[in-house]
Amino acid sequence: MTLAVWLALAPLRLLAALGLRRSVILACLFVLAVTTYGVAEDLGLLDPPVAAKPGRPARPSRQAPPSAAARADIPTSYLALYRQAVGRCPGLSWSVLAAVGKVESDHGRSRVAGVRSGWNTAGAAGPMQFGIGVGRAGNAWARLRRRLQPRRPHQRL
């Protein structure tokens, strides 16, 4: 028998050695443990993993400067705004914001509804096309506010 087959069959051999009654009890305990963990997570009783906690804000000077192509494509005012936002948002790269701005509105140059005034048919507005709560895009600001507020015990999202 190869090692892979032996390892694959190890749980079945363990259950056979325990017998039917003990195997059922073990399976029930496993389901109970997984369910308890899920309920505790839903109730906000568990802390997120250490790696998921926000770290110190990234310094704008550590990020790569705009390339010649970026400077040629992005309006100067937008490039300055993208780069300033890095100081307020830990771990955010100005180039990610620039990519969103390019795709959503060509850095505010698009003339479609919702970029310079009003909103589009989905209810999104502005050069980054955030949902403002008037259409199927929903309200991006309300969702963000809910995510940033600390949850109290027994509060569901």
N, C-alpha and C. Protein backbone atom coordinates (compact mmCIF):
# COMPACT_ATOMS: atom_id res chain seq x y z
N MET A 1 0.83 -1.18 0.00
CA MET A 1 0.00 0.00 0.00
C MET A 1 0.88 1.25 0.00
N THR A 2 0.50 2.19 -0.79
CA THR A 2 1.29 3.43 -0.80
C THR A 2 0.94 4.26 0.42
N LEU A 3 1.78 5.20 0.72
CA LEU A 3 1.59 6.06 1.89
C LEU A 3 0.31 6.89 1.76
N ALA A 4 0.03 7.38 0.55
CA ALA A 4 -1.16 8.22 0.34
C ALA A 4 -2.44 7.44 0.63
N VAL A 5 -2.52 6.21 0.18
CA VAL A 5 -3.70 5.39 0.43
C VAL A 5 -3.81 5.07 1.91
N TRP A 6 -2.69 4.76 2.52
CA TRP A 6 -2.70 4.45 3.95
C TRP A 6 -3.20 5.64 4.76
N LEU A 7 -2.71 6.86 4.42
CA LEU A 7 -3.15 8.07 5.13
C LEU A 7 -4.63 8.37 4.85
N ALA A 8 -5.08 8.13 3.63
CA ALA A 8 -6.48 8.38 3.29
C ALA A 8 -7.41 7.45 4.06
N LEU A 9 -6.98 6.24 4.32
CA LEU A 9 -7.83 5.26 5.01
C LEU A 9 -7.66 5.30 6.52
N ALA A 10 -6.73 6.08 7.04
CA ALA A 10 -6.48 6.13 8.48
C ALA A 10 -7.71 6.53 9.28
N PRO A 11 -8.48 7.56 8.87
CA PRO A 11 -9.68 7.89 9.65
C PRO A 11 -10.69 6.76 9.69
N LEU A 12 -10.83 6.03 8.59
CA LEU A 12 -11.78 4.91 8.57
C LEU A 12 -11.31 3.79 9.50
N ARG A 13 -10.00 3.53 9.52
CA ARG A 13 -9.49 2.51 10.42
C ARG A 13 -9.69 2.91 11.87
N LEU A 14 -9.53 4.21 12.17
CA LEU A 14 -9.74 4.71 13.53
C LEU A 14 -11.20 4.51 13.95
N LEU A 15 -12.13 4.85 13.05
CA LEU A 15 -13.55 4.69 13.37
C LEU A 15 -13.90 3.22 13.57
N ALA A 16 -13.32 2.35 12.76
CA ALA A 16 -13.58 0.91 12.90
C ALA A 16 -13.05 0.41 14.24
N ALA A 17 -11.89 0.93 14.67
CA ALA A 17 -11.31 0.50 15.95
C ALA A 17 -12.14 1.00 17.12
N LEU A 18 -12.76 2.17 16.96
CA LEU A 18 -13.58 2.72 18.05
C LEU A 18 -14.92 2.01 18.18
N GLY A 19 -15.41 1.45 17.11
CA GLY A 19 -16.72 0.82 17.14
C GLY A 19 -17.79 1.83 16.73
N LEU A 20 -18.98 1.32 16.43
CA LEU A 20 -20.06 2.17 15.92
C LEU A 20 -20.51 3.21 16.93
N ARG A 21 -20.74 2.80 18.16
CA ARG A 21 -21.25 3.73 19.18
C ARG A 21 -20.27 4.88 19.42
N ARG A 22 -19.01 4.56 19.60
CA ARG A 22 -18.01 5.61 19.84
C ARG A 22 -17.80 6.48 18.61
N SER A 23 -17.91 5.91 17.42
CA SER A 23 -17.77 6.68 16.19
C SER A 23 -18.89 7.70 16.06
N VAL A 24 -20.11 7.31 16.39
CA VAL A 24 -21.26 8.22 16.33
C VAL A 24 -21.09 9.34 17.36
N ILE A 25 -20.64 8.98 18.56
CA ILE A 25 -20.41 9.99 19.60
C ILE A 25 -19.34 10.97 19.15
N LEU A 26 -18.24 10.48 18.57
CA LEU A 26 -17.16 11.33 18.08
C LEU A 26 -17.67 12.27 16.98
N ALA A 27 -18.48 11.74 16.06
CA ALA A 27 -19.03 12.57 14.98
C ALA A 27 -19.95 13.65 15.56
N CYS A 28 -20.78 13.31 16.53
CA CYS A 28 -21.66 14.29 17.16
C CYS A 28 -20.87 15.37 17.88
N LEU A 29 -19.82 15.00 18.58
CA LEU A 29 -18.97 15.99 19.25
C LEU A 29 -18.31 16.93 18.25
N PHE A 30 -17.90 16.39 17.12
CA PHE A 30 -17.28 17.22 16.08
C PHE A 30 -18.30 18.22 15.53
N VAL A 31 -19.51 17.77 15.22
CA VAL A 31 -20.56 18.66 14.72
C VAL A 31 -20.90 19.71 15.76
N LEU A 32 -20.97 19.34 17.01
CA LEU A 32 -21.26 20.29 18.09
C LEU A 32 -20.16 21.34 18.20
N ALA A 33 -18.91 20.93 18.08
CA ALA A 33 -17.79 21.87 18.17
C ALA A 33 -17.81 22.86 17.01
N VAL A 34 -18.07 22.38 15.81
CA VAL A 34 -18.11 23.26 14.64
C VAL A 34 -19.29 24.23 14.75
N THR A 35 -20.44 23.76 15.20
CA THR A 35 -21.61 24.62 15.38
C THR A 35 -21.36 25.68 16.44
N THR A 36 -20.76 25.28 17.56
CA THR A 36 -20.46 26.23 18.63
C THR A 36 -19.52 27.32 18.15
N TYR A 37 -18.51 26.93 17.40
CA TYR A 37 -17.57 27.91 16.85
C TYR A 37 -18.30 28.90 15.94
N GLY A 38 -19.17 28.40 15.07
CA GLY A 38 -19.92 29.27 14.15
C GLY A 38 -20.82 30.24 14.89
N VAL A 39 -21.52 29.76 15.93
CA VAL A 39 -22.39 30.63 16.71
C VAL A 39 -21.57 31.69 17.44
N ALA A 40 -20.45 31.30 18.03
CA ALA A 40 -19.60 32.27 18.73
C ALA A 40 -19.06 33.32 17.76
N GLU A 41 -18.74 32.91 16.55
CA GLU A 41 -18.26 33.87 15.55
C GLU A 41 -19.38 34.82 15.14
N ASP A 42 -20.60 34.30 14.93
CA ASP A 42 -21.73 35.15 14.57
C ASP A 42 -22.07 36.16 15.66
N LEU A 43 -21.88 35.78 16.90
CA LEU A 43 -22.20 36.68 18.01
C LEU A 43 -21.08 37.67 18.30
N GLY A 44 -19.98 37.56 17.58
CA GLY A 44 -18.87 38.48 17.78
C GLY A 44 -18.06 38.18 19.03
N LEU A 45 -18.10 36.95 19.50
CA LEU A 45 -17.38 36.59 20.71
C LEU A 45 -15.93 36.20 20.45
N LEU A 46 -15.57 36.04 19.18
CA LEU A 46 -14.22 35.64 18.82
C LEU A 46 -13.48 36.82 18.20
N ASP A 47 -12.22 36.98 18.56
CA ASP A 47 -11.40 38.02 17.95
C ASP A 47 -10.92 37.52 16.59
N PRO A 48 -10.76 38.45 15.64
CA PRO A 48 -10.21 38.02 14.35
C PRO A 48 -8.77 37.58 14.53
N PRO A 49 -8.25 36.81 13.59
CA PRO A 49 -6.86 36.38 13.69
C PRO A 49 -5.93 37.58 13.75
N VAL A 50 -4.80 37.41 14.38
CA VAL A 50 -3.86 38.51 14.55
C VAL A 50 -3.46 39.09 13.20
N ALA A 51 -3.27 38.27 12.20
CA ALA A 51 -2.84 38.75 10.89
C ALA A 51 -3.91 39.63 10.24
N ALA A 52 -5.18 39.49 10.64
CA ALA A 52 -6.24 40.27 10.02
C ALA A 52 -6.45 41.62 10.69
N LYS A 53 -5.82 41.83 11.84
CA LYS A 53 -5.98 43.12 12.51
C LYS A 53 -5.19 44.19 11.78
N PRO A 54 -5.75 45.40 11.69
CA PRO A 54 -5.04 46.46 10.97
C PRO A 54 -3.70 46.77 11.61
N GLY A 55 -2.74 47.01 10.78
CA GLY A 55 -1.41 47.36 11.26
C GLY A 55 -1.21 48.87 11.24
N ARG A 56 0.02 49.27 11.30
CA ARG A 56 0.32 50.69 11.23
C ARG A 56 0.10 51.19 9.80
N PRO A 57 -0.30 52.44 9.66
CA PRO A 57 -0.52 52.98 8.31
C PRO A 57 0.78 52.98 7.50
N ALA A 58 0.63 52.68 6.22
CA ALA A 58 1.78 52.70 5.33
C ALA A 58 2.15 54.15 5.03
N ARG A 59 3.41 54.39 4.91
CA ARG A 59 3.87 55.74 4.59
C ARG A 59 3.77 55.97 3.09
N PRO A 60 3.29 57.13 2.68
CA PRO A 60 3.22 57.40 1.24
C PRO A 60 4.58 57.34 0.57
N SER A 61 5.65 57.67 1.29
CA SER A 61 6.97 57.69 0.67
C SER A 61 7.47 56.29 0.34
N ARG A 62 6.91 55.26 0.95
CA ARG A 62 7.36 53.89 0.69
C ARG A 62 6.78 53.34 -0.62
N GLN A 63 5.77 53.99 -1.15
CA GLN A 63 5.13 53.48 -2.35
C GLN A 63 5.86 53.98 -3.59
N ALA A 64 5.74 53.21 -4.62
CA ALA A 64 6.40 53.57 -5.87
C ALA A 64 5.82 54.87 -6.42
N PRO A 65 6.67 55.70 -6.96
CA PRO A 65 6.18 56.93 -7.57
C PRO A 65 5.44 56.61 -8.87
N PRO A 66 4.59 57.52 -9.33
CA PRO A 66 3.86 57.27 -10.58
C PRO A 66 4.83 57.17 -11.77
N SER A 67 4.52 56.26 -12.64
CA SER A 67 5.33 56.10 -13.84
C SER A 67 5.02 57.24 -14.81
N ALA A 68 5.79 57.32 -15.86
CA ALA A 68 5.55 58.34 -16.89
C ALA A 68 4.18 58.12 -17.53
N ALA A 69 3.81 56.87 -17.74
CA ALA A 69 2.49 56.58 -18.33
C ALA A 69 1.37 57.02 -17.40
N ALA A 70 1.53 56.78 -16.08
CA ALA A 70 0.51 57.20 -15.13
C ALA A 70 0.40 58.72 -15.10
N ARG A 71 1.53 59.40 -15.08
CA ARG A 71 1.50 60.87 -15.07
C ARG A 71 0.86 61.43 -16.33
N ALA A 72 1.03 60.74 -17.46
CA ALA A 72 0.44 61.19 -18.72
C ALA A 72 -1.06 60.94 -18.76
N ASP A 73 -1.52 59.86 -18.11
CA ASP A 73 -2.94 59.48 -18.19
C ASP A 73 -3.80 60.10 -17.10
N ILE A 74 -3.29 60.20 -15.89
CA ILE A 74 -4.10 60.64 -14.75
C ILE A 74 -4.00 62.16 -14.61
N PRO A 75 -5.15 62.85 -14.55
CA PRO A 75 -5.10 64.30 -14.34
C PRO A 75 -4.35 64.61 -13.04
N THR A 76 -3.61 65.70 -13.04
CA THR A 76 -2.76 66.06 -11.91
C THR A 76 -3.54 66.13 -10.60
N SER A 77 -4.74 66.72 -10.65
CA SER A 77 -5.53 66.84 -9.42
C SER A 77 -5.94 65.47 -8.89
N TYR A 78 -6.30 64.55 -9.78
CA TYR A 78 -6.69 63.21 -9.34
C TYR A 78 -5.49 62.44 -8.80
N LEU A 79 -4.35 62.57 -9.47
CA LEU A 79 -3.14 61.89 -9.01
C LEU A 79 -2.79 62.35 -7.60
N ALA A 80 -2.91 63.65 -7.34
CA ALA A 80 -2.62 64.18 -6.01
C ALA A 80 -3.61 63.61 -4.99
N LEU A 81 -4.88 63.52 -5.34
CA LEU A 81 -5.89 62.96 -4.42
C LEU A 81 -5.62 61.48 -4.14
N TYR A 82 -5.30 60.71 -5.17
CA TYR A 82 -5.01 59.29 -4.98
C TYR A 82 -3.83 59.12 -4.02
N ARG A 83 -2.79 59.92 -4.21
CA ARG A 83 -1.59 59.79 -3.38
C ARG A 83 -1.84 60.28 -1.96
N GLN A 84 -2.68 61.29 -1.77
CA GLN A 84 -3.01 61.79 -0.42
C GLN A 84 -3.81 60.76 0.36
N ALA A 85 -4.66 60.01 -0.31
CA ALA A 85 -5.52 59.03 0.36
C ALA A 85 -4.71 57.93 1.04
N VAL A 86 -3.51 57.67 0.56
CA VAL A 86 -2.66 56.63 1.13
C VAL A 86 -2.37 56.91 2.60
N GLY A 87 -2.21 58.17 2.97
CA GLY A 87 -1.93 58.51 4.35
C GLY A 87 -3.08 58.23 5.30
N ARG A 88 -4.29 58.15 4.77
CA ARG A 88 -5.48 57.93 5.60
C ARG A 88 -5.91 56.47 5.67
N CYS A 89 -5.47 55.68 4.73
CA CYS A 89 -5.93 54.29 4.64
C CYS A 89 -4.73 53.34 4.74
N PRO A 90 -4.55 52.67 5.88
CA PRO A 90 -3.40 51.77 6.04
C PRO A 90 -3.37 50.67 4.98
N GLY A 91 -2.22 50.50 4.37
CA GLY A 91 -2.04 49.42 3.42
C GLY A 91 -2.61 49.66 2.05
N LEU A 92 -3.22 50.81 1.81
CA LEU A 92 -3.82 51.09 0.51
C LEU A 92 -2.78 51.71 -0.41
N SER A 93 -2.73 51.24 -1.62
CA SER A 93 -1.80 51.78 -2.60
C SER A 93 -2.53 52.81 -3.46
N TRP A 94 -1.86 53.91 -3.77
CA TRP A 94 -2.49 54.92 -4.62
C TRP A 94 -2.82 54.32 -5.99
N SER A 95 -2.02 53.35 -6.43
CA SER A 95 -2.25 52.75 -7.75
C SER A 95 -3.55 51.94 -7.79
N VAL A 96 -3.97 51.39 -6.65
CA VAL A 96 -5.26 50.67 -6.61
C VAL A 96 -6.39 51.67 -6.79
N LEU A 97 -6.30 52.80 -6.09
CA LEU A 97 -7.32 53.85 -6.27
C LEU A 97 -7.34 54.35 -7.71
N ALA A 98 -6.16 54.54 -8.28
CA ALA A 98 -6.08 55.00 -9.66
C ALA A 98 -6.70 53.99 -10.61
N ALA A 99 -6.52 52.71 -10.34
CA ALA A 99 -7.11 51.67 -11.20
C ALA A 99 -8.63 51.73 -11.13
N VAL A 100 -9.18 51.90 -9.93
CA VAL A 100 -10.63 52.00 -9.78
C VAL A 100 -11.13 53.26 -10.50
N GLY A 101 -10.43 54.38 -10.29
CA GLY A 101 -10.81 55.63 -10.95
C GLY A 101 -10.78 55.53 -12.46
N LYS A 102 -9.82 54.80 -13.00
CA LYS A 102 -9.71 54.62 -14.45
C LYS A 102 -10.87 53.80 -14.98
N VAL A 103 -11.15 52.68 -14.32
CA VAL A 103 -12.21 51.79 -14.78
C VAL A 103 -13.59 52.42 -14.64
N GLU A 104 -13.83 53.07 -13.52
CA GLU A 104 -15.17 53.58 -13.24
C GLU A 104 -15.52 54.85 -14.01
N SER A 105 -14.55 55.76 -14.20
CA SER A 105 -14.93 57.03 -14.83
C SER A 105 -13.80 57.68 -15.63
N ASP A 106 -12.76 56.93 -15.96
CA ASP A 106 -11.59 57.50 -16.64
C ASP A 106 -11.10 58.72 -15.87
N HIS A 107 -10.95 58.54 -14.55
CA HIS A 107 -10.47 59.59 -13.64
C HIS A 107 -11.34 60.84 -13.71
N GLY A 108 -12.67 60.62 -13.75
CA GLY A 108 -13.61 61.75 -13.72
C GLY A 108 -13.86 62.39 -15.06
N ARG A 109 -13.26 61.90 -16.12
CA ARG A 109 -13.44 62.52 -17.44
C ARG A 109 -14.65 62.02 -18.19
N SER A 110 -15.23 60.89 -17.76
CA SER A 110 -16.38 60.33 -18.45
C SER A 110 -17.57 61.28 -18.35
N ARG A 111 -18.38 61.31 -19.39
CA ARG A 111 -19.55 62.19 -19.42
C ARG A 111 -20.85 61.43 -19.14
N VAL A 112 -20.75 60.15 -18.75
CA VAL A 112 -21.97 59.38 -18.48
C VAL A 112 -22.62 59.87 -17.19
N ALA A 113 -23.90 59.57 -17.06
CA ALA A 113 -24.67 60.00 -15.88
C ALA A 113 -24.04 59.47 -14.60
N GLY A 114 -23.99 60.33 -13.60
CA GLY A 114 -23.51 59.92 -12.29
C GLY A 114 -22.05 60.21 -12.02
N VAL A 115 -21.29 60.59 -13.02
CA VAL A 115 -19.87 60.86 -12.79
C VAL A 115 -19.68 62.29 -12.31
N ARG A 116 -20.25 63.25 -13.04
CA ARG A 116 -20.06 64.66 -12.68
C ARG A 116 -21.23 65.23 -11.89
N SER A 117 -22.39 64.65 -12.04
CA SER A 117 -23.55 65.09 -11.27
C SER A 117 -24.60 63.99 -11.27
N GLY A 118 -25.47 64.03 -10.28
CA GLY A 118 -26.54 63.04 -10.19
C GLY A 118 -26.02 61.64 -9.93
N TRP A 119 -26.74 60.65 -10.47
CA TRP A 119 -26.35 59.25 -10.31
C TRP A 119 -26.77 58.50 -11.55
N ASN A 120 -26.21 57.31 -11.72
CA ASN A 120 -26.56 56.50 -12.89
C ASN A 120 -27.75 55.60 -12.58
N THR A 121 -28.12 54.77 -13.52
CA THR A 121 -29.32 53.94 -13.34
C THR A 121 -29.18 52.92 -12.21
N ALA A 122 -27.95 52.58 -11.85
CA ALA A 122 -27.73 51.65 -10.74
C ALA A 122 -27.73 52.35 -9.39
N GLY A 123 -27.70 53.69 -9.39
CA GLY A 123 -27.67 54.42 -8.14
C GLY A 123 -26.26 54.70 -7.65
N ALA A 124 -25.29 54.69 -8.56
CA ALA A 124 -23.91 54.99 -8.20
C ALA A 124 -23.58 56.41 -8.66
N ALA A 125 -22.68 57.06 -7.91
CA ALA A 125 -22.36 58.45 -8.23
C ALA A 125 -20.89 58.73 -7.98
N GLY A 126 -20.40 59.78 -8.62
CA GLY A 126 -19.05 60.25 -8.43
C GLY A 126 -18.05 59.52 -9.30
N PRO A 127 -16.82 60.01 -9.31
CA PRO A 127 -15.81 59.41 -10.18
C PRO A 127 -15.45 57.97 -9.80
N MET A 128 -15.67 57.60 -8.55
CA MET A 128 -15.39 56.22 -8.14
C MET A 128 -16.65 55.35 -8.18
N GLN A 129 -17.78 55.97 -8.51
CA GLN A 129 -19.06 55.27 -8.68
C GLN A 129 -19.49 54.49 -7.44
N PHE A 130 -19.54 55.16 -6.29
CA PHE A 130 -20.04 54.55 -5.06
C PHE A 130 -21.56 54.54 -5.08
N GLY A 131 -22.16 53.49 -4.51
CA GLY A 131 -23.60 53.45 -4.36
C GLY A 131 -24.04 54.47 -3.33
N ILE A 132 -25.07 55.26 -3.66
CA ILE A 132 -25.53 56.30 -2.74
C ILE A 132 -26.91 56.02 -2.18
N GLY A 133 -27.44 54.83 -2.42
CA GLY A 133 -28.70 54.42 -1.80
C GLY A 133 -29.94 54.71 -2.59
N VAL A 134 -29.82 55.04 -3.88
CA VAL A 134 -31.02 55.34 -4.66
C VAL A 134 -31.32 54.26 -5.70
N GLY A 135 -30.53 53.22 -5.78
CA GLY A 135 -30.74 52.17 -6.77
C GLY A 135 -30.18 50.85 -6.30
N ARG A 136 -30.00 49.94 -7.25
CA ARG A 136 -29.53 48.60 -6.89
C ARG A 136 -28.08 48.58 -6.39
N ALA A 137 -27.33 49.66 -6.59
CA ALA A 137 -25.96 49.72 -6.07
C ALA A 137 -25.95 49.82 -4.55
N GLY A 138 -27.09 50.14 -3.95
CA GLY A 138 -27.17 50.22 -2.49
C GLY A 138 -26.51 51.47 -1.96
N ASN A 139 -26.23 51.46 -0.67
CA ASN A 139 -25.61 52.61 -0.03
C ASN A 139 -24.26 52.19 0.51
N ALA A 140 -23.20 52.47 -0.25
CA ALA A 140 -21.85 52.06 0.13
C ALA A 140 -21.42 52.69 1.45
N TRP A 141 -21.80 53.92 1.70
CA TRP A 141 -21.38 54.61 2.91
C TRP A 141 -22.03 53.98 4.14
N ALA A 142 -23.30 53.61 4.06
CA ALA A 142 -23.97 52.97 5.20
C ALA A 142 -23.36 51.61 5.48
N ARG A 143 -23.04 50.84 4.43
CA ARG A 143 -22.40 49.53 4.64
C ARG A 143 -21.04 49.70 5.28
N LEU A 144 -20.27 50.69 4.85
CA LEU A 144 -18.95 50.94 5.42
C LEU A 144 -19.08 51.36 6.88
N ARG A 145 -20.04 52.21 7.19
CA ARG A 145 -20.23 52.66 8.57
C ARG A 145 -20.55 51.48 9.47
N ARG A 146 -21.40 50.55 9.00
CA ARG A 146 -21.74 49.37 9.81
C ARG A 146 -20.51 48.50 10.04
N ARG A 147 -19.65 48.38 9.02
CA ARG A 147 -18.44 47.55 9.17
C ARG A 147 -17.44 48.17 10.11
N LEU A 148 -17.39 49.50 10.18
CA LEU A 148 -16.38 50.16 11.01
C LEU A 148 -16.81 50.31 12.46
N GLN A 149 -18.12 50.26 12.73
CA GLN A 149 -18.58 50.40 14.11
C GLN A 149 -18.31 49.10 14.86
N PRO A 150 -17.82 49.21 16.11
CA PRO A 150 -17.59 47.98 16.89
C PRO A 150 -18.91 47.29 17.18
N ARG A 151 -18.89 45.98 17.07
CA ARG A 151 -20.11 45.21 17.35
C ARG A 151 -20.24 44.96 18.83
N ARG A 152 -21.47 45.04 19.30
CA ARG A 152 -21.75 44.69 20.68
C ARG A 152 -22.10 43.21 20.74
N PRO A 153 -21.91 42.58 21.90
CA PRO A 153 -22.28 41.16 22.00
C PRO A 153 -23.74 40.95 21.62
N HIS A 154 -24.01 39.90 20.94
CA HIS A 154 -25.35 39.48 20.52
C HIS A 154 -25.90 40.38 19.42
N GLN A 155 -25.07 41.19 18.75
CA GLN A 155 -25.54 42.03 17.65
C GLN A 155 -25.26 41.30 16.36
N ARG A 156 -26.26 41.14 15.55
CA ARG A 156 -26.10 40.49 14.26
C ARG A 156 -25.92 41.53 13.18
N LEU A 157 -25.20 41.15 12.15
CA LEU A 157 -25.01 42.08 11.02
C LEU A 157 -26.15 42.02 10.06
